[in-house]
Amino acid sequence: MPTLSESLAELSESLAALSQMAKEAETRVADARAMTQKELDTSAAEARAAAERRHKEMTARAGKVKDDMASSWASLRDHVHEQFEKMHAEIDEKRAGHDLKVAERRAESAEAYALEATDFALDAVAEAKAASLEATADRAKADAMATSQTAG
């Protein structure tokens, strides 16, 4: 059973990784303004591959967890990933067209998707923050109860 200190360290590491990932995403998007089309396509493909690897890692981790709450989160992640895949398929389908109207609609659709994904991530960060603080409070209570039982 992890101690409060161990739980806080693990939560802190996860939040730091999340912060780093968000900062890298912000930097990559800002740098994209100066990229050529080929560089943009390569960067987008690399980001998509990284997102897919991350999803597979999360799915594998979730498969190891048997807690009901974790299963609910795993189901939500899977559902969101399915929705993302559908949106990607639609965007890819629209990429097949070459006229200006199709290109405009494709760009608008991709931009809307990016904004929705960002909003989802912000919601997930807020939930992670709340869950981390709740977990920390619960760990502190459990540690206090364990200490009072061993002292009493």
Protein backbone atom coordinates (compact mmCIF):
# COMPACT_ATOMS: atom_id res chain seq x y z
CA MET A 1 0.00 0.00 0.00
CA PRO A 2 1.53 3.35 -1.00
CA THR A 3 2.15 6.01 1.60
CA LEU A 4 0.87 9.57 1.28
CA SER A 5 4.33 10.67 0.22
CA GLU A 6 4.54 7.97 -2.46
CA SER A 7 1.06 8.78 -3.74
CA LEU A 8 1.86 12.48 -3.91
CA ALA A 9 5.11 11.78 -5.75
CA GLU A 10 3.34 9.60 -8.33
CA LEU A 11 0.56 12.14 -8.82
CA SER A 12 3.07 14.94 -9.10
CA GLU A 13 5.05 13.03 -11.75
CA SER A 14 1.88 12.39 -13.76
CA LEU A 15 0.84 16.03 -13.62
CA ALA A 16 4.36 17.16 -14.55
CA ALA A 17 4.31 14.83 -17.56
CA LEU A 18 0.91 16.23 -18.53
CA SER A 19 2.21 19.78 -18.22
CA GLN A 20 5.28 18.94 -20.30
CA MET A 21 3.16 17.29 -22.97
CA ALA A 22 0.87 20.32 -23.14
CA LYS A 23 3.86 22.68 -23.40
CA GLU A 24 5.37 20.57 -26.20
CA ALA A 25 2.05 20.62 -28.05
CA GLU A 26 1.85 24.39 -27.67
CA THR A 27 5.40 24.81 -28.98
CA ARG A 28 4.85 22.44 -31.94
CA VAL A 29 1.66 24.27 -32.97
CA ALA A 30 3.37 27.66 -32.69
CA ASP A 31 6.35 26.38 -34.71
CA ALA A 32 3.97 25.04 -37.37
CA ARG A 33 3.43 28.56 -38.68
CA ALA A 34 6.91 28.52 -40.18
CA MET A 35 6.81 24.96 -41.58
CA THR A 36 6.51 23.89 -45.17
CA GLN A 37 3.59 21.70 -46.22
CA LYS A 38 5.85 18.65 -46.22
CA GLU A 39 7.13 19.46 -42.72
CA LEU A 40 3.55 20.02 -41.53
CA ASP A 41 2.43 16.68 -42.96
CA THR A 42 5.39 14.90 -41.35
CA SER A 43 4.83 16.61 -38.01
CA ALA A 44 1.12 15.76 -38.07
CA ALA A 45 1.85 12.12 -38.91
CA GLU A 46 4.38 11.89 -36.06
CA ALA A 47 1.91 13.45 -33.62
CA ARG A 48 -0.82 11.05 -34.74
CA ALA A 49 1.52 8.06 -34.29
CA ALA A 50 2.47 9.29 -30.81
CA ALA A 51 -1.20 9.70 -29.89
CA GLU A 52 -1.92 6.17 -31.09
CA ARG A 53 1.01 4.78 -29.07
CA ARG A 54 -0.25 6.66 -26.00
CA HIS A 55 -3.75 5.26 -26.47
CA LYS A 56 -2.38 1.71 -26.76
CA GLU A 57 -0.34 2.21 -23.58
CA MET A 58 -3.39 3.51 -21.73
CA THR A 59 -5.50 0.62 -22.96
CA ALA A 60 -2.87 -1.88 -21.84
CA ARG A 61 -2.62 -0.22 -18.42
CA ALA A 62 -6.39 -0.09 -18.05
CA GLY A 63 -6.57 -3.80 -18.86
CA LYS A 64 -4.46 -4.51 -15.80
CA VAL A 65 -6.65 -2.49 -13.45
CA LYS A 66 -9.71 -4.23 -12.06
CA ASP A 67 -11.22 -1.36 -10.07
CA ASP A 68 -14.73 -0.32 -11.17
CA MET A 69 -13.78 3.35 -11.38
CA ALA A 70 -10.74 2.57 -13.51
CA SER A 71 -12.91 0.40 -15.75
CA SER A 72 -15.32 3.31 -16.19
CA TRP A 73 -12.46 5.57 -17.16
CA ALA A 74 -11.12 2.94 -19.53
CA SER A 75 -14.54 2.71 -21.17
CA LEU A 76 -14.70 6.49 -21.49
CA ARG A 77 -11.19 6.62 -22.98
CA ASP A 78 -12.10 3.89 -25.45
CA HIS A 79 -15.29 5.68 -26.44
CA VAL A 80 -13.48 9.00 -26.89
CA HIS A 81 -10.76 7.28 -28.90
CA GLU A 82 -13.42 5.71 -31.15
CA GLN A 83 -14.94 9.15 -31.69
CA PHE A 84 -11.51 10.57 -32.50
CA GLU A 85 -10.95 7.77 -35.01
CA LYS A 86 -14.30 8.51 -36.67
CA MET A 87 -13.42 12.18 -36.93
CA HIS A 88 -10.01 11.30 -38.38
CA ALA A 89 -11.65 9.06 -40.95
CA GLU A 90 -14.00 11.87 -41.95
CA ILE A 91 -11.12 14.33 -42.21
CA ASP A 92 -9.05 11.85 -44.22
CA GLU A 93 -12.02 11.24 -46.51
CA LYS A 94 -12.32 14.97 -47.12
CA ARG A 95 -8.61 15.20 -47.90
CA ALA A 96 -9.28 13.23 -51.07
CA GLY A 97 -10.90 16.29 -52.70
CA HIS A 98 -8.71 18.90 -54.35
CA ASP A 99 -10.89 21.91 -55.06
CA LEU A 100 -10.81 25.04 -52.91
CA LYS A 101 -14.23 24.51 -51.32
CA VAL A 102 -13.31 21.00 -50.27
CA ALA A 103 -9.95 22.20 -48.95
CA GLU A 104 -11.67 24.98 -46.97
CA ARG A 105 -14.24 22.60 -45.47
CA ARG A 106 -11.49 20.12 -44.65
CA ALA A 107 -9.42 22.82 -42.92
CA GLU A 108 -12.44 24.09 -40.98
CA SER A 109 -13.33 20.57 -39.93
CA ALA A 110 -9.76 19.85 -38.83
CA GLU A 111 -9.61 23.14 -36.91
CA ALA A 112 -12.91 22.40 -35.18
CA TYR A 113 -11.64 18.93 -34.29
CA ALA A 114 -8.44 20.40 -32.84
CA LEU A 115 -10.44 22.82 -30.70
CA GLU A 116 -12.75 20.04 -29.49
CA ALA A 117 -9.78 17.82 -28.65
CA THR A 118 -8.19 20.70 -26.73
CA ASP A 119 -11.43 21.34 -24.82
CA PHE A 120 -11.63 17.63 -23.97
CA ALA A 121 -8.02 17.71 -22.76
CA LEU A 122 -8.75 20.75 -20.59
CA ASP A 123 -11.72 18.93 -19.07
CA ALA A 124 -9.52 15.88 -18.51
CA VAL A 125 -6.87 18.02 -16.82
CA ALA A 126 -9.47 19.57 -14.52
CA GLU A 127 -10.76 16.10 -13.67
CA ALA A 128 -7.20 14.84 -13.11
CA LYS A 129 -6.53 17.73 -10.75
CA ALA A 130 -9.69 17.06 -8.75
CA ALA A 131 -9.11 13.30 -8.72
CA SER A 132 -5.48 13.76 -7.65
CA LEU A 133 -6.44 16.03 -4.76
CA GLU A 134 -9.26 13.70 -3.71
CA ALA A 135 -6.88 10.72 -3.87
CA THR A 136 -4.35 12.60 -1.78
CA ALA A 137 -7.00 13.47 0.82
CA ASP A 138 -8.17 9.84 0.89
CA ARG A 139 -4.58 8.59 1.28
CA ALA A 140 -3.98 11.05 4.14
CA LYS A 141 -7.17 9.82 5.87
CA ALA A 142 -6.14 6.18 5.42
CA ASP A 143 -2.66 6.91 6.76
CA ALA A 144 -4.13 8.76 9.75
CA MET A 145 -6.53 5.88 10.46
CA ALA A 146 -3.70 3.36 10.21
CA THR A 147 -1.57 5.43 12.58
CA SER A 148 -4.39 5.81 15.12
CA GLN A 149 -5.15 2.05 14.99
CA THR A 150 -1.52 1.09 15.57
CA ALA A 151 -1.20 3.68 18.36
CA GLY A 152 -4.46 2.60 20.01
